[in-house]
Amino acid sequence: MNLDPEIKMRQQDLVVVLVCDGFDKITESFKQFAKKHSFFDEDILKVKGFMKEERDGTWKMKPMVELMDKGVETVPKNCLHLFQVCTWDFGLEDETLAGRRINFIFALKQQNDGKINSHKWFFQGICKYLKPQ
């Protein structure tokens, strides 16, 4: 990796990025797994105002227009929420991972915007900073 000097990672560290195409795509079992392994916290999205509670008690992501300040003329189509955890053990039994830190980045798109859009976020957004070889 050609690391950005501001990112404190070592050459031998492993980085895994999972881009999720919107909150509504996440299964309840994955939410529980993610919470257990500390790489997703739904409560942060609620507290920061990215989600709203529906009448039936379920939580949904707000539309982008509701996130912007009043009077903003151009509203972005989407935004990306990043959750990151660094661990030596991610529950994988593989000798190639022994002694290597795993930096896991969970990237959640505010709205479902399609697979091509997910690729754009990964290559033009995340890779811009991680600078993989």
Foldseek 3Di string as FASTA:
>chain_A
DPADVVDPDDPQAAEAEAEDQFPVPDDPVVVVLCVVVQQDDVVVCVVVPQWDADPVGDIAGDAQVVVDDPPDDDTDRKDKDKGWDKDLCPPDDDPSSHPHIYIYIYIYISHRDDDVVSVCCVVVPVCVRGVDD
